[in-house]
């Protein structure tokens, strides 16, 4: 509809608050609220219909299904939380099919960085400032919402800049 619109810029701007809420909730409660995942899908439907060609808009739902199946399998194997799996599926809507490999590499790099930053910041200061955050208590688990949201936003930001 809007031929001159930059889809990735629109997606970045509209997803930024949702991703911040997801990251905060995952750090504080170790849960990604279903309403945020539904909000992501709603954003994709509304904005995507306005800024993407119809065929590209529809094909991205294949990515959602693939990511949902992969996330379900990882969640069943206890390698990933169910909220993380749902976020991955909704996030797949915003990734151009040609960029999937690049985004997976970004996520593979972002995961260890996020773990390191989370653990170090907990030891240095943040754990004292926010002692009730669940992510400090669960030492064998990690809030994957942090690297998932960072990866999605960095990807969209880079894609928006060309």
C-alpha atoms as a PDB file:
ATOM      1  CA  UNK A   1       0.000   0.000   0.000  1.00  0.00           C
ATOM      2  CA  UNK A   2       2.715   2.474   1.017  1.00  0.00           C
ATOM      3  CA  UNK A   3       5.269   1.788  -1.700  1.00  0.00           C
ATOM      4  CA  UNK A   4       7.861   4.202  -0.305  1.00  0.00           C
ATOM      5  CA  UNK A   5       7.548   2.984   3.293  1.00  0.00           C
ATOM      6  CA  UNK A   6      10.518   1.212   4.831  1.00  0.00           C
ATOM      7  CA  UNK A   7       8.928  -1.930   6.347  1.00  0.00           C
ATOM      8  CA  UNK A   8      11.819  -2.632   8.703  1.00  0.00           C
ATOM      9  CA  UNK A   9      11.751   0.902  10.089  1.00  0.00           C
ATOM     10  CA  UNK A  10       8.003   0.652  10.708  1.00  0.00           C
ATOM     11  CA  UNK A  11       8.442  -2.749  12.332  1.00  0.00           C
ATOM     12  CA  UNK A  12      11.316  -1.463  14.499  1.00  0.00           C
ATOM     13  CA  UNK A  13       9.360   1.558  15.754  1.00  0.00           C
ATOM     14  CA  UNK A  14       6.194  -0.407  16.497  1.00  0.00           C
ATOM     15  CA  UNK A  15       7.998  -3.366  18.109  1.00  0.00           C
ATOM     16  CA  UNK A  16      10.379  -1.378  20.307  1.00  0.00           C
ATOM     17  CA  UNK A  17       7.947  -0.929  23.231  1.00  0.00           C
ATOM     18  CA  UNK A  18       6.749  -4.536  22.989  1.00  0.00           C
ATOM     19  CA  UNK A  19      10.330  -5.847  23.020  1.00  0.00           C
ATOM     20  CA  UNK A  20      11.216  -3.679  26.023  1.00  0.00           C
ATOM     21  CA  UNK A  21       8.229  -5.087  27.913  1.00  0.00           C
ATOM     22  CA  UNK A  22       9.235  -8.649  26.944  1.00  0.00           C
ATOM     23  CA  UNK A  23      12.841  -8.172  28.065  1.00  0.00           C
ATOM     24  CA  UNK A  24      11.801  -6.569  31.366  1.00  0.00           C
ATOM     25  CA  UNK A  25       9.217  -9.257  32.146  1.00  0.00           C
ATOM     26  CA  UNK A  26      11.637 -12.050  31.341  1.00  0.00           C
ATOM     27  CA  UNK A  27      14.324 -10.529  33.558  1.00  0.00           C
ATOM     28  CA  UNK A  28      11.970  -9.818  36.455  1.00  0.00           C
ATOM     29  CA  UNK A  29       9.587 -12.791  36.297  1.00  0.00           C
ATOM     30  CA  UNK A  30      11.262 -15.264  33.892  1.00  0.00           C
ATOM     31  CA  UNK A  31       8.039 -15.190  31.872  1.00  0.00           C
ATOM     32  CA  UNK A  32       7.089 -13.716  28.514  1.00  0.00           C
ATOM     33  CA  UNK A  33       3.441 -12.664  28.703  1.00  0.00           C
ATOM     34  CA  UNK A  34       1.193 -14.128  26.004  1.00  0.00           C
ATOM     35  CA  UNK A  35      -0.314 -10.692  25.438  1.00  0.00           C
ATOM     36  CA  UNK A  36       3.053  -9.394  24.203  1.00  0.00           C
ATOM     37  CA  UNK A  37       3.334 -12.232  21.690  1.00  0.00           C
ATOM     38  CA  UNK A  38      -0.214 -11.548  20.504  1.00  0.00           C
ATOM     39  CA  UNK A  39       0.660  -7.847  20.262  1.00  0.00           C
ATOM     40  CA  UNK A  40       3.598  -8.728  18.005  1.00  0.00           C
ATOM     41  CA  UNK A  41       1.340 -10.726  15.689  1.00  0.00           C
ATOM     42  CA  UNK A  42      -1.185  -7.869  15.669  1.00  0.00           C
ATOM     43  CA  UNK A  43       1.569  -5.372  14.824  1.00  0.00           C
ATOM     44  CA  UNK A  44       2.697  -7.589  11.968  1.00  0.00           C
ATOM     45  CA  UNK A  45      -0.812  -7.938  10.561  1.00  0.00           C
ATOM     46  CA  UNK A  46      -1.648  -4.221  10.751  1.00  0.00           C
ATOM     47  CA  UNK A  47       1.713  -2.763   9.739  1.00  0.00           C
ATOM     48  CA  UNK A  48       2.685  -5.614   7.426  1.00  0.00           C
ATOM     49  CA  UNK A  49      -0.476  -5.241   5.359  1.00  0.00           C
ATOM     50  CA  UNK A  50       0.349  -1.561   4.914  1.00  0.00           C
ATOM     51  CA  UNK A  51       4.062  -1.785   4.078  1.00  0.00           C
ATOM     52  CA  UNK A  52       4.677  -5.202   2.489  1.00  0.00           C
ATOM     53  CA  UNK A  53       3.518  -6.604  -0.829  1.00  0.00           C
ATOM     54  CA  UNK A  54       0.745  -9.134  -0.214  1.00  0.00           C
ATOM     55  CA  UNK A  55       2.800 -12.143  -1.342  1.00  0.00           C
ATOM     56  CA  UNK A  56       5.710 -11.222   0.960  1.00  0.00           C
ATOM     57  CA  UNK A  57       3.261 -10.575   3.802  1.00  0.00           C
ATOM     58  CA  UNK A  58       1.700 -14.022   3.416  1.00  0.00           C
ATOM     59  CA  UNK A  59       4.968 -15.946   2.917  1.00  0.00           C
ATOM     60  CA  UNK A  60       6.303 -14.771   6.267  1.00  0.00           C
ATOM     61  CA  UNK A  61       3.643 -16.840   7.998  1.00  0.00           C
ATOM     62  CA  UNK A  62       5.601 -19.897   6.822  1.00  0.00           C
ATOM     63  CA  UNK A  63       8.460 -18.639   9.015  1.00  0.00           C
ATOM     64  CA  UNK A  64       6.070 -18.349  11.940  1.00  0.00           C
ATOM     65  CA  UNK A  65       4.997 -21.986  11.532  1.00  0.00           C
ATOM     66  CA  UNK A  66       8.579 -23.268  11.139  1.00  0.00           C
ATOM     67  CA  UNK A  67       9.749 -21.289  14.183  1.00  0.00           C
ATOM     68  CA  UNK A  68       6.733 -22.431  16.216  1.00  0.00           C
ATOM     69  CA  UNK A  69       7.419 -26.102  15.443  1.00  0.00           C
ATOM     70  CA  UNK A  70      11.155 -25.700  16.187  1.00  0.00           C
ATOM     71  CA  UNK A  71      10.362 -23.804  19.395  1.00  0.00           C
ATOM     72  CA  UNK A  72       7.849 -26.438  20.469  1.00  0.00           C
ATOM     73  CA  UNK A  73      10.450 -29.181  19.966  1.00  0.00           C
ATOM     74  CA  UNK A  74      13.078 -27.205  21.901  1.00  0.00           C
ATOM     75  CA  UNK A  75      10.574 -26.468  24.659  1.00  0.00           C
ATOM     76  CA  UNK A  76       9.512 -30.120  24.856  1.00  0.00           C
ATOM     77  CA  UNK A  77      13.177 -31.076  25.242  1.00  0.00           C
ATOM     78  CA  UNK A  78      13.429 -28.481  28.064  1.00  0.00           C
ATOM     79  CA  UNK A  79      16.043 -26.506  26.109  1.00  0.00           C
ATOM     80  CA  UNK A  80      13.872 -23.405  25.807  1.00  0.00           C
ATOM     81  CA  UNK A  81      10.910 -21.949  27.646  1.00  0.00           C
ATOM     82  CA  UNK A  82       7.470 -21.973  26.060  1.00  0.00           C
ATOM     83  CA  UNK A  83       7.316 -18.170  26.128  1.00  0.00           C
ATOM     84  CA  UNK A  84      10.644 -17.992  24.327  1.00  0.00           C
ATOM     85  CA  UNK A  85       9.324 -20.406  21.690  1.00  0.00           C
ATOM     86  CA  UNK A  86       6.203 -18.300  21.155  1.00  0.00           C
ATOM     87  CA  UNK A  87       8.270 -15.109  20.955  1.00  0.00           C
ATOM     88  CA  UNK A  88      10.554 -16.727  18.360  1.00  0.00           C
ATOM     89  CA  UNK A  89       7.543 -17.697  16.259  1.00  0.00           C
ATOM     90  CA  UNK A  90       6.026 -14.213  16.398  1.00  0.00           C
ATOM     91  CA  UNK A  91       9.429 -12.639  15.783  1.00  0.00           C
ATOM     92  CA  UNK A  92       9.905 -14.769  12.666  1.00  0.00           C
ATOM     93  CA  UNK A  93       7.157 -12.742  11.007  1.00  0.00           C
ATOM     94  CA  UNK A  94       9.433  -9.705  10.944  1.00  0.00           C
ATOM     95  CA  UNK A  95      12.428 -11.415   9.351  1.00  0.00           C
ATOM     96  CA  UNK A  96      12.820 -11.459   5.589  1.00  0.00           C
ATOM     97  CA  UNK A  97      13.224 -15.074   4.407  1.00  0.00           C
ATOM     98  CA  UNK A  98      16.573 -14.257   2.801  1.00  0.00           C
ATOM     99  CA  UNK A  99      17.896 -13.019   6.166  1.00  0.00           C
ATOM    100  CA  UNK A 100      17.001 -16.031   8.332  1.00  0.00           C
ATOM    101  CA  UNK A 101      20.533 -17.474   8.334  1.00  0.00           C
ATOM    102  CA  UNK A 102      22.034 -14.109   9.258  1.00  0.00           C
ATOM    103  CA  UNK A 103      19.546 -13.664  12.112  1.00  0.00           C
ATOM    104  CA  UNK A 104      20.272 -17.161  13.460  1.00  0.00           C
ATOM    105  CA  UNK A 105      23.991 -16.334  13.512  1.00  0.00           C
ATOM    106  CA  UNK A 106      23.200 -13.039  15.267  1.00  0.00           C
ATOM    107  CA  UNK A 107      21.169 -14.917  17.875  1.00  0.00           C
ATOM    108  CA  UNK A 108      23.938 -17.494  18.346  1.00  0.00           C
ATOM    109  CA  UNK A 109      26.338 -14.630  19.074  1.00  0.00           C
ATOM    110  CA  UNK A 110      23.884 -12.588  21.129  1.00  0.00           C
ATOM    111  CA  UNK A 111      23.057 -15.472  23.488  1.00  0.00           C
ATOM    112  CA  UNK A 112      26.496 -15.806  25.118  1.00  0.00           C
ATOM    113  CA  UNK A 113      26.940 -12.021  25.201  1.00  0.00           C
ATOM    114  CA  UNK A 114      23.584 -11.615  26.976  1.00  0.00           C
ATOM    115  CA  UNK A 115      24.433 -14.354  29.474  1.00  0.00           C
ATOM    116  CA  UNK A 116      27.780 -12.714  30.237  1.00  0.00           C
ATOM    117  CA  UNK A 117      26.276  -9.240  30.625  1.00  0.00           C
ATOM    118  CA  UNK A 118      23.415 -10.572  32.775  1.00  0.00           C
ATOM    119  CA  UNK A 119      25.670 -12.547  35.102  1.00  0.00           C
ATOM    120  CA  UNK A 120      28.305  -9.805  35.443  1.00  0.00           C
ATOM    121  CA  UNK A 121      25.760  -7.038  36.016  1.00  0.00           C
ATOM    122  CA  UNK A 122      24.145  -9.200  38.678  1.00  0.00           C
ATOM    123  CA  UNK A 123      27.437  -9.536  40.478  1.00  0.00           C
ATOM    124  CA  UNK A 124      28.452  -5.907  40.149  1.00  0.00           C
ATOM    125  CA  UNK A 125      25.382  -3.845  40.972  1.00  0.00           C
ATOM    126  CA  UNK A 126      22.010  -4.698  39.485  1.00  0.00           C
ATOM    127  CA  UNK A 127      21.274  -7.621  41.786  1.00  0.00           C
ATOM    128  CA  UNK A 128      21.412  -5.237  44.748  1.00  0.00           C
ATOM    129  CA  UNK A 129      19.237  -2.668  42.986  1.00  0.00           C
ATOM    130  CA  UNK A 130      16.648  -5.242  41.882  1.00  0.00           C
ATOM    131  CA  UNK A 131      16.913  -8.157  44.344  1.00  0.00           C
ATOM    132  CA  UNK A 132      13.431  -9.493  43.647  1.00  0.00           C
ATOM    133  CA  UNK A 133      14.116 -10.267  39.975  1.00  0.00           C
ATOM    134  CA  UNK A 134      13.548 -13.956  39.335  1.00  0.00           C
ATOM    135  CA  UNK A 135      16.394 -14.128  36.813  1.00  0.00           C
ATOM    136  CA  UNK A 136      18.954 -13.604  39.603  1.00  0.00           C
ATOM    137  CA  UNK A 137      17.531 -16.518  41.593  1.00  0.00           C
ATOM    138  CA  UNK A 138      17.470 -19.156  38.838  1.00  0.00           C
ATOM    139  CA  UNK A 139      21.140 -19.819  38.280  1.00  0.00           C
ATOM    140  CA  UNK A 140      20.575 -22.799  35.965  1.00  0.00           C
ATOM    141  CA  UNK A 141      18.130 -20.933  33.737  1.00  0.00           C
ATOM    142  CA  UNK A 142      18.486 -17.790  31.667  1.00  0.00           C
ATOM    143  CA  UNK A 143      15.934 -15.207  30.464  1.00  0.00           C
ATOM    144  CA  UNK A 144      16.232 -15.772  26.704  1.00  0.00           C
ATOM    145  CA  UNK A 145      13.854 -12.869  26.135  1.00  0.00           C
ATOM    146  CA  UNK A 146      16.883 -10.617  26.517  1.00  0.00           C
ATOM    147  CA  UNK A 147      18.918 -11.945  23.547  1.00  0.00           C
ATOM    148  CA  UNK A 148      15.777 -12.680  21.509  1.00  0.00           C
ATOM    149  CA  UNK A 149      14.513  -9.097  21.744  1.00  0.00           C
ATOM    150  CA  UNK A 150      17.990  -7.641  21.237  1.00  0.00           C
ATOM    151  CA  UNK A 151      18.551  -9.773  18.147  1.00  0.00           C
ATOM    152  CA  UNK A 152      15.198  -8.829  16.627  1.00  0.00           C
ATOM    153  CA  UNK A 153      15.629  -5.104  17.282  1.00  0.00           C
ATOM    154  CA  UNK A 154      19.230  -4.998  16.075  1.00  0.00           C
ATOM    155  CA  UNK A 155      18.258  -6.906  12.918  1.00  0.00           C
ATOM    156  CA  UNK A 156      15.351  -4.540  12.189  1.00  0.00           C
ATOM    157  CA  UNK A 157      17.510  -1.502  12.921  1.00  0.00           C
ATOM    158  CA  UNK A 158      20.235  -2.713  10.573  1.00  0.00           C
ATOM    159  CA  UNK A 159      17.722  -3.628   7.871  1.00  0.00           C
ATOM    160  CA  UNK A 160      16.020  -0.233   8.204  1.00  0.00           C
ATOM    161  CA  UNK A 161      19.339   1.537   7.632  1.00  0.00           C
ATOM    162  CA  UNK A 162      19.913  -0.489   4.487  1.00  0.00           C
END
